[in-house]
Amino acid sequence: MDFIEITPRLHMLHFSIGQAYLWRDDEELTLIDAGWVDSAAEIETAIRGAGLDPAALRRIVLTHCHRDHVGSAQELADRFGAEILAHRLDAPVIRGEAPVPEPALLDWEIPLYEHGLTVPVAPPTRVDKELEDGDVLDFGDGAVVVHTPGHTPGSLAVHLPAHGVLFTGDTVATVQGVTFGVFHADREPAMESMRRLAELKPSVLCCGHGAPVTADTARQLAEAAA
């Protein structure tokens, strides 16, 4: 795993498949997604290596229910007393009470999807708080939850308007420029969700897959959504 600074308050935790993000307020840390199963020790080491205290981890916001985003949430929360948050519609899947929604794969997505299945399955994970569209969370000077159905029914994005930062989960990708994500359960609402995210005009774009975008961001996202 690579631990990469995007801004002084924002780091990316980059795994071989997918990534998570760490946001730092003055005395608290927030994790957006949690990487793979058994990554907790590595994540803790990376946080300490940046001169931060993992005991300051207050919350883990899960953008959706897929294994490469949920994997280490429970272990990290248990270690540091963090709260786990997810959208109401994906919470039953994360808890292991409902099956993971199957993606409607295009032909070219099938080998990519099969490769992703090498990531270990996430264990049933508690959700301490269920989120809805428009909820405002107590970090990043007011983090706004944006429901982005399509990739999964309960996919969400997190927008930090005060900082121009947008965490999109897998609705958007930046693997080869800013693009529509892959493996969506329902492509039409996923595309509508991407258009909604473009309207936020972020200056920093953080996706579940691909490099962060920090320059000419709003234009690139708008063109991809169009």
C-alpha atoms as a PDB file:
ATOM      1  CA  MET A   1       0.000   0.000   0.000  1.00  0.00           C
ATOM      2  CA  ASP A   2       1.200   3.514  -0.854  1.00  0.00           C
ATOM      3  CA  PHE A   3       0.320   6.503   1.345  1.00  0.00           C
ATOM      4  CA  ILE A   4       0.282   9.621  -0.828  1.00  0.00           C
ATOM      5  CA  GLU A   5      -0.267  13.245   0.183  1.00  0.00           C
ATOM      6  CA  ILE A   6      -2.775  15.063  -2.017  1.00  0.00           C
ATOM      7  CA  THR A   7      -3.055  18.193   0.122  1.00  0.00           C
ATOM      8  CA  PRO A   8      -1.720  18.867   3.629  1.00  0.00           C
ATOM      9  CA  ARG A   9      -5.049  17.646   5.043  1.00  0.00           C
ATOM     10  CA  LEU A  10      -5.740  14.850   2.576  1.00  0.00           C
ATOM     11  CA  HIS A  11      -3.904  11.573   1.877  1.00  0.00           C
ATOM     12  CA  MET A  12      -4.672   8.648  -0.401  1.00  0.00           C
ATOM     13  CA  LEU A  13      -4.152   5.039   0.699  1.00  0.00           C
ATOM     14  CA  HIS A  14      -3.488   3.250  -2.574  1.00  0.00           C
ATOM     15  CA  PHE A  15      -3.909  -0.537  -2.709  1.00  0.00           C
ATOM     16  CA  SER A  16      -3.189  -2.803  -5.668  1.00  0.00           C
ATOM     17  CA  ILE A  17      -6.930  -2.683  -6.349  1.00  0.00           C
ATOM     18  CA  GLY A  18      -8.747   0.440  -5.196  1.00  0.00           C
ATOM     19  CA  GLN A  19      -7.973   3.068  -2.622  1.00  0.00           C
ATOM     20  CA  ALA A  20      -9.192   4.892   0.452  1.00  0.00           C
ATOM     21  CA  TYR A  21      -8.662   8.453   1.666  1.00  0.00           C
ATOM     22  CA  LEU A  22      -7.700  10.005   4.986  1.00  0.00           C
ATOM     23  CA  TRP A  23      -8.923  13.504   5.857  1.00  0.00           C
ATOM     24  CA  ARG A  24      -7.355  15.399   8.769  1.00  0.00           C
ATOM     25  CA  ASP A  25      -9.084  18.049  10.809  1.00  0.00           C
ATOM     26  CA  ASP A  26      -7.233  19.739  13.661  1.00  0.00           C
ATOM     27  CA  GLU A  27      -7.716  16.938  16.184  1.00  0.00           C
ATOM     28  CA  GLU A  28      -9.649  14.263  14.294  1.00  0.00           C
ATOM     29  CA  LEU A  29      -9.116  11.884  11.387  1.00  0.00           C
ATOM     30  CA  THR A  30     -11.771  10.607   9.004  1.00  0.00           C
ATOM     31  CA  LEU A  31     -11.326   7.650   6.671  1.00  0.00           C
ATOM     32  CA  ILE A  32     -13.302   7.508   3.419  1.00  0.00           C
ATOM     33  CA  ASP A  33     -13.516   3.764   2.695  1.00  0.00           C
ATOM     34  CA  ALA A  34     -11.334   1.170   4.360  1.00  0.00           C
ATOM     35  CA  GLY A  35      -9.488  -0.924   1.774  1.00  0.00           C
ATOM     36  CA  TRP A  36      -9.185  -4.682   1.858  1.00  0.00           C
ATOM     37  CA  VAL A  37      -9.640  -7.179   4.647  1.00  0.00           C
ATOM     38  CA  ASP A  38      -6.499  -7.485   6.812  1.00  0.00           C
ATOM     39  CA  SER A  39      -5.244  -4.013   5.831  1.00  0.00           C
ATOM     40  CA  ALA A  40      -5.809  -2.443   9.238  1.00  0.00           C
ATOM     41  CA  ALA A  41      -2.243  -2.893  10.492  1.00  0.00           C
ATOM     42  CA  GLU A  42      -0.822  -1.471   7.263  1.00  0.00           C
ATOM     43  CA  ILE A  43      -3.191   1.492   7.408  1.00  0.00           C
ATOM     44  CA  GLU A  44      -2.254   2.144  11.023  1.00  0.00           C
ATOM     45  CA  THR A  45       1.448   2.053  10.138  1.00  0.00           C
ATOM     46  CA  ALA A  46       0.918   4.501   7.277  1.00  0.00           C
ATOM     47  CA  ILE A  47      -0.971   6.928   9.499  1.00  0.00           C
ATOM     48  CA  ARG A  48       1.765   6.815  12.130  1.00  0.00           C
ATOM     49  CA  GLY A  49       4.410   7.248   9.423  1.00  0.00           C
ATOM     50  CA  ALA A  50       2.777  10.551   8.458  1.00  0.00           C
ATOM     51  CA  GLY A  51       3.185  11.764  12.024  1.00  0.00           C
ATOM     52  CA  LEU A  52      -0.497  11.300  12.845  1.00  0.00           C
ATOM     53  CA  ASP A  53      -2.105   9.399  15.702  1.00  0.00           C
ATOM     54  CA  PRO A  54      -4.497   6.643  14.546  1.00  0.00           C
ATOM     55  CA  ALA A  55      -6.267   6.948  17.885  1.00  0.00           C
ATOM     56  CA  ALA A  56      -7.676  10.205  16.473  1.00  0.00           C
ATOM     57  CA  LEU A  57      -9.693   8.222  13.907  1.00  0.00           C
ATOM     58  CA  ARG A  58     -13.278   9.230  14.683  1.00  0.00           C
ATOM     59  CA  ARG A  59     -15.251   7.925  11.736  1.00  0.00           C
ATOM     60  CA  ILE A  60     -15.078   5.672   8.674  1.00  0.00           C
ATOM     61  CA  VAL A  61     -17.439   6.652   5.867  1.00  0.00           C
ATOM     62  CA  LEU A  62     -18.124   3.824   3.417  1.00  0.00           C
ATOM     63  CA  THR A  63     -19.058   4.973  -0.082  1.00  0.00           C
ATOM     64  CA  HIS A  64     -20.653   1.614  -0.873  1.00  0.00           C
ATOM     65  CA  CYS A  65     -20.799  -2.054   0.033  1.00  0.00           C
ATOM     66  CA  HIS A  66     -18.087  -3.595  -2.185  1.00  0.00           C
ATOM     67  CA  ARG A  67     -15.315  -5.671  -0.649  1.00  0.00           C
ATOM     68  CA  ASP A  68     -12.426  -3.393  -1.638  1.00  0.00           C
ATOM     69  CA  HIS A  69     -14.067  -0.480   0.191  1.00  0.00           C
ATOM     70  CA  VAL A  70     -15.441  -2.160   3.314  1.00  0.00           C
ATOM     71  CA  GLY A  71     -12.686  -4.707   4.040  1.00  0.00           C
ATOM     72  CA  SER A  72     -10.880  -3.320   7.108  1.00  0.00           C
ATOM     73  CA  ALA A  73     -13.590  -1.016   8.457  1.00  0.00           C
ATOM     74  CA  GLN A  74     -14.627  -3.236  11.355  1.00  0.00           C
ATOM     75  CA  GLU A  75     -11.077  -3.964  12.511  1.00  0.00           C
ATOM     76  CA  LEU A  76     -10.057  -0.300  12.358  1.00  0.00           C
ATOM     77  CA  ALA A  77     -13.213   0.782  14.169  1.00  0.00           C
ATOM     78  CA  ASP A  78     -12.633  -1.794  16.890  1.00  0.00           C
ATOM     79  CA  ARG A  79      -9.012  -0.730  17.341  1.00  0.00           C
ATOM     80  CA  PHE A  80      -9.642   2.990  17.621  1.00  0.00           C
ATOM     81  CA  GLY A  81     -13.281   3.387  18.608  1.00  0.00           C
ATOM     82  CA  ALA A  82     -14.277   4.921  15.288  1.00  0.00           C
ATOM     83  CA  GLU A  83     -17.860   5.137  14.079  1.00  0.00           C
ATOM     84  CA  ILE A  84     -18.788   3.416  10.797  1.00  0.00           C
ATOM     85  CA  LEU A  85     -21.193   5.278   8.502  1.00  0.00           C
ATOM     86  CA  ALA A  86     -22.882   4.151   5.273  1.00  0.00           C
ATOM     87  CA  HIS A  87     -25.990   4.899   3.264  1.00  0.00           C
ATOM     88  CA  ARG A  88     -29.201   3.317   4.519  1.00  0.00           C
ATOM     89  CA  LEU A  89     -29.669   1.240   1.342  1.00  0.00           C
ATOM     90  CA  ASP A  90     -26.213  -0.383   1.454  1.00  0.00           C
ATOM     91  CA  ALA A  91     -26.108  -0.824   5.236  1.00  0.00           C
ATOM     92  CA  PRO A  92     -27.867  -4.246   5.206  1.00  0.00           C
ATOM     93  CA  VAL A  93     -25.340  -5.543   2.659  1.00  0.00           C
ATOM     94  CA  ILE A  94     -22.408  -4.259   4.700  1.00  0.00           C
ATOM     95  CA  ARG A  95     -23.831  -5.937   7.809  1.00  0.00           C
ATOM     96  CA  GLY A  96     -24.152  -9.234   5.933  1.00  0.00           C
ATOM     97  CA  GLU A  97     -27.953  -9.187   6.102  1.00  0.00           C
ATOM     98  CA  ALA A  98     -28.480  -8.900   2.323  1.00  0.00           C
ATOM     99  CA  PRO A  99     -26.525 -10.046  -0.751  1.00  0.00           C
ATOM    100  CA  VAL A 100     -24.162  -7.782  -2.643  1.00  0.00           C
ATOM    101  CA  PRO A 101     -26.040  -6.444  -5.702  1.00  0.00           C
ATOM    102  CA  GLU A 102     -24.803  -8.013  -8.916  1.00  0.00           C
ATOM    103  CA  PRO A 103     -23.342  -5.654 -11.533  1.00  0.00           C
ATOM    104  CA  ALA A 104     -24.771  -5.475 -15.035  1.00  0.00           C
ATOM    105  CA  LEU A 105     -21.470  -6.124 -16.794  1.00  0.00           C
ATOM    106  CA  LEU A 106     -20.562  -5.092 -20.307  1.00  0.00           C
ATOM    107  CA  ASP A 107     -18.507  -7.694 -22.208  1.00  0.00           C
ATOM    108  CA  TRP A 108     -15.232  -5.795 -21.776  1.00  0.00           C
ATOM    109  CA  GLU A 109     -15.845  -5.453 -18.020  1.00  0.00           C
ATOM    110  CA  ILE A 110     -16.041  -9.201 -17.374  1.00  0.00           C
ATOM    111  CA  PRO A 111     -12.279  -9.959 -17.166  1.00  0.00           C
ATOM    112  CA  LEU A 112     -11.710  -6.850 -15.037  1.00  0.00           C
ATOM    113  CA  TYR A 113     -14.483  -7.891 -12.693  1.00  0.00           C
ATOM    114  CA  GLU A 114     -13.143 -11.428 -12.386  1.00  0.00           C
ATOM    115  CA  HIS A 115      -9.732 -10.002 -11.485  1.00  0.00           C
ATOM    116  CA  GLY A 116     -11.346  -7.915  -8.762  1.00  0.00           C
ATOM    117  CA  LEU A 117     -12.805 -11.065  -7.220  1.00  0.00           C
ATOM    118  CA  THR A 118      -9.279 -11.930  -6.057  1.00  0.00           C
ATOM    119  CA  VAL A 119      -9.757  -9.341  -3.289  1.00  0.00           C
ATOM    120  CA  PRO A 120     -10.874 -11.198  -0.129  1.00  0.00           C
ATOM    121  CA  VAL A 121     -14.556 -10.942   0.738  1.00  0.00           C
ATOM    122  CA  ALA A 122     -15.301  -8.416   3.453  1.00  0.00           C
ATOM    123  CA  PRO A 123     -16.722  -9.872   6.678  1.00  0.00           C
ATOM    124  CA  PRO A 124     -20.076  -8.686   8.026  1.00  0.00           C
ATOM    125  CA  THR A 125     -19.344  -5.185   9.280  1.00  0.00           C
ATOM    126  CA  ARG A 126     -21.380  -3.072  11.635  1.00  0.00           C
ATOM    127  CA  VAL A 127     -22.850   0.231  10.521  1.00  0.00           C
ATOM    128  CA  ASP A 128     -23.237   2.625  13.429  1.00  0.00           C
ATOM    129  CA  LYS A 129     -25.022   5.366  11.517  1.00  0.00           C
ATOM    130  CA  GLU A 130     -27.141   5.121   8.397  1.00  0.00           C
ATOM    131  CA  LEU A 131     -26.897   8.104   6.077  1.00  0.00           C
ATOM    132  CA  GLU A 132     -29.298   9.841   3.727  1.00  0.00           C
ATOM    133  CA  ASP A 133     -28.843  12.303   0.900  1.00  0.00           C
ATOM    134  CA  GLY A 134     -28.124  15.775   2.226  1.00  0.00           C
ATOM    135  CA  ASP A 135     -26.865  14.726   5.645  1.00  0.00           C
ATOM    136  CA  VAL A 136     -24.061  16.969   6.903  1.00  0.00           C
ATOM    137  CA  LEU A 137     -21.239  15.255   8.786  1.00  0.00           C
ATOM    138  CA  ASP A 138     -18.992  16.837  11.381  1.00  0.00           C
ATOM    139  CA  PHE A 139     -15.681  16.924   9.529  1.00  0.00           C
ATOM    140  CA  GLY A 140     -14.092  18.915   6.741  1.00  0.00           C
ATOM    141  CA  ASP A 141     -15.956  22.037   7.892  1.00  0.00           C
ATOM    142  CA  GLY A 142     -19.236  20.416   6.913  1.00  0.00           C
ATOM    143  CA  ALA A 143     -19.157  17.250   4.799  1.00  0.00           C
ATOM    144  CA  VAL A 144     -22.284  16.787   2.687  1.00  0.00           C
ATOM    145  CA  VAL A 145     -23.552  13.299   1.850  1.00  0.00           C
ATOM    146  CA  VAL A 146     -24.636  12.933  -1.776  1.00  0.00           C
ATOM    147  CA  HIS A 147     -26.642   9.807  -2.601  1.00  0.00           C
ATOM    148  CA  THR A 148     -25.341   8.451  -5.921  1.00  0.00           C
ATOM    149  CA  PRO A 149     -27.417   5.358  -6.766  1.00  0.00           C
ATOM    150  CA  GLY A 150     -26.422   3.173  -9.683  1.00  0.00           C
ATOM    151  CA  HIS A 151     -23.077   1.625  -8.845  1.00  0.00           C
ATOM    152  CA  THR A 152     -24.965   0.106  -5.932  1.00  0.00           C
ATOM    153  CA  PRO A 153     -28.375   1.223  -4.631  1.00  0.00           C
ATOM    154  CA  GLY A 154     -26.763   2.882  -1.614  1.00  0.00           C
ATOM    155  CA  SER A 155     -23.647   4.352  -3.174  1.00  0.00           C
ATOM    156  CA  LEU A 156     -22.767   7.785  -1.871  1.00  0.00           C
ATOM    157  CA  ALA A 157     -20.294  10.574  -2.446  1.00  0.00           C
ATOM    158  CA  VAL A 158     -18.921  12.957   0.158  1.00  0.00           C
ATOM    159  CA  HIS A 159     -18.538  16.635  -0.729  1.00  0.00           C
ATOM    160  CA  LEU A 160     -16.466  19.094   1.291  1.00  0.00           C
ATOM    161  CA  PRO A 161     -17.725  22.423  -0.129  1.00  0.00           C
ATOM    162  CA  ALA A 162     -15.402  24.506   2.058  1.00  0.00           C
ATOM    163  CA  HIS A 163     -12.392  22.775   0.499  1.00  0.00           C
ATOM    164  CA  GLY A 164     -13.644  21.928  -2.991  1.00  0.00           C
ATOM    165  CA  VAL A 165     -13.000  18.219  -2.358  1.00  0.00           C
ATOM    166  CA  LEU A 166     -15.279  15.481  -3.696  1.00  0.00           C
ATOM    167  CA  PHE A 167     -15.005  11.780  -2.848  1.00  0.00           C
ATOM    168  CA  THR A 168     -16.997   9.901  -5.480  1.00  0.00           C
ATOM    169  CA  GLY A 169     -16.661   6.237  -4.575  1.00  0.00           C
ATOM    170  CA  ASP A 170     -16.890   4.190  -7.775  1.00  0.00           C
ATOM    171  CA  THR A 171     -19.452   6.276  -9.663  1.00  0.00           C
ATOM    172  CA  VAL A 172     -16.532   8.076 -11.303  1.00  0.00           C
ATOM    173  CA  ALA A 173     -13.063   6.704 -12.115  1.00  0.00           C
ATOM    174  CA  THR A 174      -9.816   8.337 -13.195  1.00  0.00           C
ATOM    175  CA  VAL A 175      -7.976   5.339 -14.605  1.00  0.00           C
ATOM    176  CA  GLN A 176      -7.520   6.936 -18.043  1.00  0.00           C
ATOM    177  CA  GLY A 177      -8.576  10.506 -17.440  1.00  0.00           C
ATOM    178  CA  VAL A 178     -11.891  11.255 -15.756  1.00  0.00           C
ATOM    179  CA  THR A 179     -14.389   8.600 -16.846  1.00  0.00           C
ATOM    180  CA  PHE A 180     -17.611   6.869 -15.909  1.00  0.00           C
ATOM    181  CA  GLY A 181     -16.897   4.077 -13.424  1.00  0.00           C
ATOM    182  CA  VAL A 182     -17.356   0.357 -14.046  1.00  0.00           C
ATOM    183  CA  PHE A 183     -19.287  -2.594 -12.594  1.00  0.00           C
ATOM    184  CA  HIS A 184     -22.509  -0.654 -12.034  1.00  0.00           C
ATOM    185  CA  ALA A 185     -25.610  -2.494 -10.859  1.00  0.00           C
ATOM    186  CA  ASP A 186     -27.735  -0.059 -12.883  1.00  0.00           C
ATOM    187  CA  ARG A 187     -25.934   2.090 -15.440  1.00  0.00           C
ATOM    188  CA  GLU A 188     -28.661   4.674 -16.151  1.00  0.00           C
ATOM    189  CA  PRO A 189     -29.020   5.985 -12.572  1.00  0.00           C
ATOM    190  CA  ALA A 190     -25.232   5.733 -12.168  1.00  0.00           C
ATOM    191  CA  MET A 191     -24.788   8.078 -15.112  1.00  0.00           C
ATOM    192  CA  GLU A 192     -27.375  10.450 -13.688  1.00  0.00           C
ATOM    193  CA  SER A 193     -25.459  10.364 -10.403  1.00  0.00           C
ATOM    194  CA  MET A 194     -22.277  11.276 -12.258  1.00  0.00           C
ATOM    195  CA  ARG A 195     -24.024  14.261 -13.839  1.00  0.00           C
ATOM    196  CA  ARG A 196     -25.166  15.372 -10.410  1.00  0.00           C
ATOM    197  CA  LEU A 197     -21.610  15.169  -9.088  1.00  0.00           C
ATOM    198  CA  ALA A 198     -20.351  17.243 -12.006  1.00  0.00           C
ATOM    199  CA  GLU A 199     -22.712  20.038 -10.948  1.00  0.00           C
ATOM    200  CA  LEU A 200     -20.740  20.356  -7.694  1.00  0.00           C
ATOM    201  CA  LYS A 201     -17.704  21.667  -9.641  1.00  0.00           C
ATOM    202  CA  PRO A 202     -15.003  20.251  -7.345  1.00  0.00           C
ATOM    203  CA  SER A 203     -11.401  21.402  -7.434  1.00  0.00           C
ATOM    204  CA  VAL A 204     -10.112  18.096  -6.014  1.00  0.00           C
ATOM    205  CA  LEU A 205     -11.598  14.810  -7.239  1.00  0.00           C
ATOM    206  CA  CYS A 206     -10.969  11.603  -5.277  1.00  0.00           C
ATOM    207  CA  CYS A 207     -12.329   8.417  -6.854  1.00  0.00           C
ATOM    208  CA  GLY A 208     -12.295   4.807  -5.746  1.00  0.00           C
ATOM    209  CA  HIS A 209     -10.014   3.861  -8.643  1.00  0.00           C
ATOM    210  CA  GLY A 210      -7.441   6.052 -10.357  1.00  0.00           C
ATOM    211  CA  ALA A 211      -5.317   9.048  -9.481  1.00  0.00           C
ATOM    212  CA  PRO A 212      -6.768  12.106  -7.734  1.00  0.00           C
ATOM    213  CA  VAL A 213      -7.418  15.099  -9.973  1.00  0.00           C
ATOM    214  CA  THR A 214      -6.267  18.472  -8.641  1.00  0.00           C
ATOM    215  CA  ALA A 215      -6.040  20.663 -11.751  1.00  0.00           C
ATOM    216  CA  ASP A 216      -8.782  21.701 -14.182  1.00  0.00           C
ATOM    217  CA  THR A 217     -10.958  19.297 -12.234  1.00  0.00           C
ATOM    218  CA  ALA A 218     -14.443  20.736 -12.699  1.00  0.00           C
ATOM    219  CA  ARG A 219     -14.041  20.957 -16.476  1.00  0.00           C
ATOM    220  CA  GLN A 220     -12.766  17.385 -16.781  1.00  0.00           C
ATOM    221  CA  LEU A 221     -15.604  16.005 -14.689  1.00  0.00           C
ATOM    222  CA  ALA A 222     -18.218  18.018 -16.572  1.00  0.00           C
ATOM    223  CA  GLU A 223     -16.918  16.831 -19.941  1.00  0.00           C
ATOM    224  CA  ALA A 224     -16.870  13.209 -18.790  1.00  0.00           C
ATOM    225  CA  ALA A 225     -20.411  13.467 -17.439  1.00  0.00           C
ATOM    226  CA  ALA A 226     -21.624  15.028 -20.683  1.00  0.00           C
END
